[in-house]
Amino acid sequence: MLKPDEITEINLLNQFNLASSLEGLKIHRHEATQEVVAAAERLHARGLTTQPDGGYLTSLGLDAAEHSQALLTILRAD
């Protein structure tokens, strides 16, 4: 079973646009929930993103986001 923290991290990975490596995410501390801010920091600490507040995907992050988004596509298929 996934923990709430893991679900938040996966949700962040699913927000990255895989069609463009020049498009990143910016997590604004004053607008985002504490859970989202903490998830962004954990993804950065694990080497999946370039910045603790989002940034761009690293090569490892790109692999993770591709798998995450592929799984979501499969689960949402009719």
PDB file of N, CA and C in Angstrom:
ATOM      1  N   MET A   1       0.840  -1.170   0.000  1.00  0.00           N
ATOM      2  CA  MET A   1       0.000   0.000   0.000  1.00  0.00           C
ATOM      3  C   MET A   1       0.894   1.244   0.000  1.00  0.00           C
ATOM      4  N   LEU A   2       0.526   2.214  -0.806  1.00  0.00           N
ATOM      5  CA  LEU A   2       1.281   3.458  -0.869  1.00  0.00           C
ATOM      6  C   LEU A   2       0.958   4.342   0.332  1.00  0.00           C
ATOM      7  N   LYS A   3       2.000   5.016   0.818  1.00  0.00           N
ATOM      8  CA  LYS A   3       1.833   5.978   1.907  1.00  0.00           C
ATOM      9  C   LYS A   3       1.393   7.313   1.302  1.00  0.00           C
ATOM     10  N   PRO A   4       0.729   8.150   2.086  1.00  0.00           N
ATOM     11  CA  PRO A   4       0.310   9.459   1.574  1.00  0.00           C
ATOM     12  C   PRO A   4       1.472  10.284   1.005  1.00  0.00           C
ATOM     13  N   ASP A   5       2.641  10.232   1.642  1.00  0.00           N
ATOM     14  CA  ASP A   5       3.805  10.966   1.137  1.00  0.00           C
ATOM     15  C   ASP A   5       4.211  10.480  -0.250  1.00  0.00           C
ATOM     16  N   GLU A   6       4.151   9.177  -0.460  1.00  0.00           N
ATOM     17  CA  GLU A   6       4.513   8.613  -1.765  1.00  0.00           C
ATOM     18  C   GLU A   6       3.509   9.021  -2.839  1.00  0.00           C
ATOM     19  N   ILE A   7       2.243   9.059  -2.472  1.00  0.00           N
ATOM     20  CA  ILE A   7       1.210   9.476  -3.418  1.00  0.00           C
ATOM     21  C   ILE A   7       1.441  10.929  -3.830  1.00  0.00           C
ATOM     22  N   THR A   8       1.792  11.774  -2.884  1.00  0.00           N
ATOM     23  CA  THR A   8       2.067  13.182  -3.203  1.00  0.00           C
ATOM     24  C   THR A   8       3.270  13.296  -4.134  1.00  0.00           C
ATOM     25  N   GLU A   9       4.297  12.504  -3.904  1.00  0.00           N
ATOM     26  CA  GLU A   9       5.471  12.517  -4.779  1.00  0.00           C
ATOM     27  C   GLU A   9       5.109  12.058  -6.192  1.00  0.00           C
ATOM     28  N   ILE A  10       4.326  11.005  -6.290  1.00  0.00           N
ATOM     29  CA  ILE A  10       3.892  10.505  -7.603  1.00  0.00           C
ATOM     30  C   ILE A  10       3.050  11.555  -8.312  1.00  0.00           C
ATOM     31  N   ASN A  11       2.166  12.204  -7.574  1.00  0.00           N
ATOM     32  CA  ASN A  11       1.350  13.262  -8.175  1.00  0.00           C
ATOM     33  C   ASN A  11       2.218  14.392  -8.730  1.00  0.00           C
ATOM     34  N   LEU A  12       3.293  14.734  -8.032  1.00  0.00           N
ATOM     35  CA  LEU A  12       4.199  15.752  -8.552  1.00  0.00           C
ATOM     36  C   LEU A  12       4.894  15.273  -9.825  1.00  0.00           C
ATOM     37  N   LEU A  13       5.359  14.032  -9.823  1.00  0.00           N
ATOM     38  CA  LEU A  13       6.005  13.492 -11.018  1.00  0.00           C
ATOM     39  C   LEU A  13       5.051  13.501 -12.211  1.00  0.00           C
ATOM     40  N   ASN A  14       3.772  13.294 -11.945  1.00  0.00           N
ATOM     41  CA  ASN A  14       2.780  13.277 -13.024  1.00  0.00           C
ATOM     42  C   ASN A  14       2.491  14.662 -13.586  1.00  0.00           C
ATOM     43  N   GLN A  15       2.938  15.702 -12.911  1.00  0.00           N
ATOM     44  CA  GLN A  15       2.709  17.061 -13.395  1.00  0.00           C
ATOM     45  C   GLN A  15       3.773  17.517 -14.397  1.00  0.00           C
ATOM     46  N   PHE A  16       4.879  16.797 -14.483  1.00  0.00           N
ATOM     47  CA  PHE A  16       5.926  17.186 -15.427  1.00  0.00           C
ATOM     48  C   PHE A  16       5.493  16.875 -16.851  1.00  0.00           C
ATOM     49  N   ASN A  17       5.782  17.788 -17.761  1.00  0.00           N
ATOM     50  CA  ASN A  17       5.485  17.614 -19.178  1.00  0.00           C
ATOM     51  C   ASN A  17       6.631  16.818 -19.800  1.00  0.00           C
ATOM     52  N   LEU A  18       6.371  15.582 -20.154  1.00  0.00           N
ATOM     53  CA  LEU A  18       7.413  14.720 -20.720  1.00  0.00           C
ATOM     54  C   LEU A  18       7.740  15.081 -22.164  1.00  0.00           C
ATOM     55  N   ALA A  19       6.910  15.885 -22.794  1.00  0.00           N
ATOM     56  CA  ALA A  19       7.141  16.273 -24.183  1.00  0.00           C
ATOM     57  C   ALA A  19       8.212  17.355 -24.306  1.00  0.00           C
ATOM     58  N   SER A  20       8.563  17.998 -23.190  1.00  0.00           N
ATOM     59  CA  SER A  20       9.544  19.080 -23.241  1.00  0.00           C
ATOM     60  C   SER A  20      10.468  19.029 -22.030  1.00  0.00           C
ATOM     61  N   SER A  21      11.749  18.837 -22.292  1.00  0.00           N
ATOM     62  CA  SER A  21      12.725  18.834 -21.193  1.00  0.00           C
ATOM     63  C   SER A  21      13.013  20.259 -20.721  1.00  0.00           C
ATOM     64  N   LEU A  22      12.500  21.247 -21.437  1.00  0.00           N
ATOM     65  CA  LEU A  22      12.713  22.644 -21.069  1.00  0.00           C
ATOM     66  C   LEU A  22      11.616  23.189 -20.166  1.00  0.00           C
ATOM     67  N   GLU A  23      10.668  22.334 -19.828  1.00  0.00           N
ATOM     68  CA  GLU A  23       9.549  22.730 -18.974  1.00  0.00           C
ATOM     69  C   GLU A  23       9.701  22.051 -17.616  1.00  0.00           C
ATOM     70  N   GLY A  24       9.771  22.848 -16.577  1.00  0.00           N
ATOM     71  CA  GLY A  24       9.898  22.294 -15.235  1.00  0.00           C
ATOM     72  C   GLY A  24       8.705  22.684 -14.375  1.00  0.00           C
ATOM     73  N   LEU A  25       8.874  22.490 -13.077  1.00  0.00           N
ATOM     74  CA  LEU A  25       7.847  22.878 -12.108  1.00  0.00           C
ATOM     75  C   LEU A  25       8.447  23.861 -11.116  1.00  0.00           C
ATOM     76  N   LYS A  26       7.624  24.757 -10.628  1.00  0.00           N
ATOM     77  CA  LYS A  26       8.025  25.671  -9.572  1.00  0.00           C
ATOM     78  C   LYS A  26       6.985  25.559  -8.468  1.00  0.00           C
ATOM     79  N   ILE A  27       7.418  25.095  -7.307  1.00  0.00           N
ATOM     80  CA  ILE A  27       6.536  24.956  -6.152  1.00  0.00           C
ATOM     81  C   ILE A  27       6.701  26.215  -5.305  1.00  0.00           C
ATOM     82  N   HIS A  28       5.644  26.980  -5.170  1.00  0.00           N
ATOM     83  CA  HIS A  28       5.674  28.210  -4.385  1.00  0.00           C
ATOM     84  C   HIS A  28       5.263  27.887  -2.949  1.00  0.00           C
ATOM     85  N   ARG A  29       6.182  28.104  -2.028  1.00  0.00           N
ATOM     86  CA  ARG A  29       5.931  27.766  -0.621  1.00  0.00           C
ATOM     87  C   ARG A  29       4.690  28.458  -0.058  1.00  0.00           C
ATOM     88  N   HIS A  30       4.426  29.675  -0.481  1.00  0.00           N
ATOM     89  CA  HIS A  30       3.287  30.417   0.071  1.00  0.00           C
ATOM     90  C   HIS A  30       1.956  30.006  -0.558  1.00  0.00           C
ATOM     91  N   GLU A  31       2.013  29.219  -1.637  1.00  0.00           N
ATOM     92  CA  GLU A  31       0.775  28.773  -2.294  1.00  0.00           C
ATOM     93  C   GLU A  31       0.526  27.275  -2.154  1.00  0.00           C
ATOM     94  N   ALA A  32       1.586  26.487  -2.096  1.00  0.00           N
ATOM     95  CA  ALA A  32       1.459  25.025  -2.039  1.00  0.00           C
ATOM     96  C   ALA A  32       1.243  24.559  -0.601  1.00  0.00           C
ATOM     97  N   THR A  33       0.672  23.377  -0.481  1.00  0.00           N
ATOM     98  CA  THR A  33       0.516  22.786   0.849  1.00  0.00           C
ATOM     99  C   THR A  33       1.878  22.331   1.366  1.00  0.00           C
ATOM    100  N   GLN A  34       1.969  22.172   2.657  1.00  0.00           N
ATOM    101  CA  GLN A  34       3.215  21.683   3.273  1.00  0.00           C
ATOM    102  C   GLN A  34       3.578  20.306   2.727  1.00  0.00           C
ATOM    103  N   GLU A  35       2.560  19.487   2.435  1.00  0.00           N
ATOM    104  CA  GLU A  35       2.799  18.144   1.906  1.00  0.00           C
ATOM    105  C   GLU A  35       3.470  18.208   0.534  1.00  0.00           C
ATOM    106  N   VAL A  36       3.021  19.125  -0.299  1.00  0.00           N
ATOM    107  CA  VAL A  36       3.591  19.268  -1.641  1.00  0.00           C
ATOM    108  C   VAL A  36       5.010  19.832  -1.557  1.00  0.00           C
ATOM    109  N   VAL A  37       5.223  20.814  -0.705  1.00  0.00           N
ATOM    110  CA  VAL A  37       6.564  21.378  -0.518  1.00  0.00           C
ATOM    111  C   VAL A  37       7.526  20.295  -0.049  1.00  0.00           C
ATOM    112  N   ALA A  38       7.105  19.504   0.927  1.00  0.00           N
ATOM    113  CA  ALA A  38       7.952  18.434   1.445  1.00  0.00           C
ATOM    114  C   ALA A  38       8.206  17.357   0.389  1.00  0.00           C
ATOM    115  N   ALA A  39       7.196  17.038  -0.417  1.00  0.00           N
ATOM    116  CA  ALA A  39       7.372  16.043  -1.481  1.00  0.00           C
ATOM    117  C   ALA A  39       8.388  16.525  -2.505  1.00  0.00           C
ATOM    118  N   ALA A  40       8.320  17.798  -2.880  1.00  0.00           N
ATOM    119  CA  ALA A  40       9.284  18.360  -3.831  1.00  0.00           C
ATOM    120  C   ALA A  40      10.697  18.279  -3.271  1.00  0.00           C
ATOM    121  N   GLU A  41      10.841  18.557  -2.000  1.00  0.00           N
ATOM    122  CA  GLU A  41      12.165  18.482  -1.363  1.00  0.00           C
ATOM    123  C   GLU A  41      12.681  17.045  -1.334  1.00  0.00           C
ATOM    124  N   ARG A  42      11.802  16.082  -1.080  1.00  0.00           N
ATOM    125  CA  ARG A  42      12.227  14.671  -1.073  1.00  0.00           C
ATOM    126  C   ARG A  42      12.635  14.209  -2.468  1.00  0.00           C
ATOM    127  N   LEU A  43      11.886  14.620  -3.498  1.00  0.00           N
ATOM    128  CA  LEU A  43      12.257  14.247  -4.864  1.00  0.00           C
ATOM    129  C   LEU A  43      13.635  14.800  -5.208  1.00  0.00           C
ATOM    130  N   HIS A  44      13.911  16.020  -4.783  1.00  0.00           N
ATOM    131  CA  HIS A  44      15.228  16.616  -5.019  1.00  0.00           C
ATOM    132  C   HIS A  44      16.316  15.864  -4.244  1.00  0.00           C
ATOM    133  N   ALA A  45      16.042  15.545  -2.991  1.00  0.00           N
ATOM    134  CA  ALA A  45      17.021  14.829  -2.164  1.00  0.00           C
ATOM    135  C   ALA A  45      17.361  13.455  -2.746  1.00  0.00           C
ATOM    136  N   ARG A  46      16.415  12.855  -3.449  1.00  0.00           N
ATOM    137  CA  ARG A  46      16.638  11.544  -4.077  1.00  0.00           C
ATOM    138  C   ARG A  46      17.267  11.670  -5.465  1.00  0.00           C
ATOM    139  N   GLY A  47      17.474  12.895  -5.917  1.00  0.00           N
ATOM    140  CA  GLY A  47      18.112  13.105  -7.201  1.00  0.00           C
ATOM    141  C   GLY A  47      17.170  13.021  -8.393  1.00  0.00           C
ATOM    142  N   LEU A  48      15.870  13.214  -8.170  1.00  0.00           N
ATOM    143  CA  LEU A  48      14.914  13.148  -9.270  1.00  0.00           C
ATOM    144  C   LEU A  48      14.651  14.505  -9.909  1.00  0.00           C
ATOM    145  N   THR A  49      14.887  15.577  -9.169  1.00  0.00           N
ATOM    146  CA  THR A  49      14.704  16.926  -9.697  1.00  0.00           C
ATOM    147  C   THR A  49      15.942  17.762  -9.412  1.00  0.00           C
ATOM    148  N   THR A  50      16.058  18.868 -10.155  1.00  0.00           N
ATOM    149  CA  THR A  50      17.256  19.694 -10.039  1.00  0.00           C
ATOM    150  C   THR A  50      17.204  20.706  -8.903  1.00  0.00           C
ATOM    151  N   GLN A  51      16.013  20.996  -8.390  1.00  0.00           N
ATOM    152  CA  GLN A  51      15.862  22.001  -7.337  1.00  0.00           C
ATOM    153  C   GLN A  51      14.912  21.494  -6.255  1.00  0.00           C
ATOM    154  N   PRO A  52      15.119  21.932  -5.008  1.00  0.00           N
ATOM    155  CA  PRO A  52      14.211  21.492  -3.936  1.00  0.00           C
ATOM    156  C   PRO A  52      12.791  22.037  -4.073  1.00  0.00           C
ATOM    157  N   ASP A  53      12.610  23.050  -4.902  1.00  0.00           N
ATOM    158  CA  ASP A  53      11.256  23.590  -5.116  1.00  0.00           C
ATOM    159  C   ASP A  53      10.730  23.220  -6.498  1.00  0.00           C
ATOM    160  N   GLY A  54      11.211  22.120  -7.040  1.00  0.00           N
ATOM    161  CA  GLY A  54      10.761  21.633  -8.345  1.00  0.00           C
ATOM    162  C   GLY A  54      11.897  21.582  -9.335  1.00  0.00           C
ATOM    163  N   GLY A  55      11.993  22.592 -10.168  1.00  0.00           N
ATOM    164  CA  GLY A  55      13.044  22.607 -11.172  1.00  0.00           C
ATOM    165  C   GLY A  55      12.720  21.675 -12.322  1.00  0.00           C
ATOM    166  N   TYR A  56      13.759  21.045 -12.840  1.00  0.00           N
ATOM    167  CA  TYR A  56      13.630  20.140 -13.973  1.00  0.00           C
ATOM    168  C   TYR A  56      13.884  18.708 -13.519  1.00  0.00           C
ATOM    169  N   LEU A  57      13.449  17.763 -14.318  1.00  0.00           N
ATOM    170  CA  LEU A  57      13.720  16.364 -14.030  1.00  0.00           C
ATOM    171  C   LEU A  57      15.175  16.035 -14.369  1.00  0.00           C
ATOM    172  N   THR A  58      15.806  15.253 -13.527  1.00  0.00           N
ATOM    173  CA  THR A  58      17.107  14.682 -13.858  1.00  0.00           C
ATOM    174  C   THR A  58      16.846  13.457 -14.732  1.00  0.00           C
ATOM    175  N   SER A  59      17.885  12.787 -15.184  1.00  0.00           N
ATOM    176  CA  SER A  59      17.653  11.579 -15.994  1.00  0.00           C
ATOM    177  C   SER A  59      16.922  10.516 -15.173  1.00  0.00           C
ATOM    178  N   LEU A  60      17.256  10.389 -13.904  1.00  0.00           N
ATOM    179  CA  LEU A  60      16.543   9.447 -13.031  1.00  0.00           C
ATOM    180  C   LEU A  60      15.097   9.891 -12.844  1.00  0.00           C
ATOM    181  N   GLY A  61      14.895  11.181 -12.667  1.00  0.00           N
ATOM    182  CA  GLY A  61      13.547  11.717 -12.521  1.00  0.00           C
ATOM    183  C   GLY A  61      12.713  11.516 -13.770  1.00  0.00           C
ATOM    184  N   LEU A  62      13.351  11.656 -14.926  1.00  0.00           N
ATOM    185  CA  LEU A  62      12.639  11.429 -16.186  1.00  0.00           C
ATOM    186  C   LEU A  62      12.183   9.980 -16.280  1.00  0.00           C
ATOM    187  N   ASP A  63      13.046   9.043 -15.915  1.00  0.00           N
ATOM    188  CA  ASP A  63      12.657   7.624 -15.896  1.00  0.00           C
ATOM    189  C   ASP A  63      11.470   7.403 -14.967  1.00  0.00           C
ATOM    190  N   ALA A  64      11.540   7.976 -13.772  1.00  0.00           N
ATOM    191  CA  ALA A  64      10.468   7.798 -12.789  1.00  0.00           C
ATOM    192  C   ALA A  64       9.163   8.406 -13.295  1.00  0.00           C
ATOM    193  N   ALA A  65       9.232   9.615 -13.857  1.00  0.00           N
ATOM    194  CA  ALA A  65       8.026  10.280 -14.353  1.00  0.00           C
ATOM    195  C   ALA A  65       7.425   9.523 -15.533  1.00  0.00           C
ATOM    196  N   GLU A  66       8.274   8.996 -16.404  1.00  0.00           N
ATOM    197  CA  GLU A  66       7.757   8.210 -17.541  1.00  0.00           C
ATOM    198  C   GLU A  66       7.009   6.983 -17.049  1.00  0.00           C
ATOM    199  N   HIS A  67       7.578   6.271 -16.084  1.00  0.00           N
ATOM    200  CA  HIS A  67       6.907   5.087 -15.541  1.00  0.00           C
ATOM    201  C   HIS A  67       5.614   5.466 -14.825  1.00  0.00           C
ATOM    202  N   SER A  68       5.661   6.519 -14.047  1.00  0.00           N
ATOM    203  CA  SER A  68       4.496   6.961 -13.299  1.00  0.00           C
ATOM    204  C   SER A  68       3.357   7.370 -14.231  1.00  0.00           C
ATOM    205  N   GLN A  69       3.700   8.146 -15.255  1.00  0.00           N
ATOM    206  CA  GLN A  69       2.675   8.603 -16.183  1.00  0.00           C
ATOM    207  C   GLN A  69       2.158   7.468 -17.053  1.00  0.00           C
ATOM    208  N   ALA A  70       3.017   6.520 -17.391  1.00  0.00           N
ATOM    209  CA  ALA A  70       2.577   5.347 -18.157  1.00  0.00           C
ATOM    210  C   ALA A  70       1.591   4.518 -17.336  1.00  0.00           C
ATOM    211  N   LEU A  71       1.897   4.320 -16.068  1.00  0.00           N
ATOM    212  CA  LEU A  71       0.994   3.564 -15.198  1.00  0.00           C
ATOM    213  C   LEU A  71      -0.362   4.253 -15.101  1.00  0.00           C
ATOM    214  N   LEU A  72      -0.344   5.555 -14.945  1.00  0.00           N
ATOM    215  CA  LEU A  72      -1.598   6.301 -14.856  1.00  0.00           C
ATOM    216  C   LEU A  72      -2.408   6.157 -16.140  1.00  0.00           C
ATOM    217  N   THR A  73      -1.733   6.204 -17.275  1.00  0.00           N
ATOM    218  CA  THR A  73      -2.411   6.033 -18.562  1.00  0.00           C
ATOM    219  C   THR A  73      -3.065   4.653 -18.642  1.00  0.00           C
ATOM    220  N   ILE A  74      -2.369   3.625 -18.207  1.00  0.00           N
ATOM    221  CA  ILE A  74      -2.903   2.265 -18.229  1.00  0.00           C
ATOM    222  C   ILE A  74      -4.112   2.140 -17.301  1.00  0.00           C
ATOM    223  N   LEU A  75      -3.994   2.689 -16.115  1.00  0.00           N
ATOM    224  CA  LEU A  75      -5.077   2.582 -15.143  1.00  0.00           C
ATOM    225  C   LEU A  75      -6.324   3.353 -15.565  1.00  0.00           C
ATOM    226  N   ARG A  76      -6.135   4.406 -16.342  1.00  0.00           N
ATOM    227  CA  ARG A  76      -7.275   5.226 -16.766  1.00  0.00           C
ATOM    228  C   ARG A  76      -7.865   4.776 -18.104  1.00  0.00           C
ATOM    229  N   ALA A  77      -7.275   3.771 -18.720  1.00  0.00           N
ATOM    230  CA  ALA A  77      -7.775   3.299 -20.006  1.00  0.00           C
ATOM    231  C   ALA A  77      -9.145   2.640 -19.838  1.00  0.00           C
ATOM    232  N   ASP A  78      -9.989   2.850 -20.818  1.00  0.00           N
ATOM    233  CA  ASP A  78     -11.337   2.249 -20.770  1.00  0.00           C
ATOM    234  C   ASP A  78     -11.294   0.825 -21.278  1.00  0.00           C
TER     235      ASP A  78
END
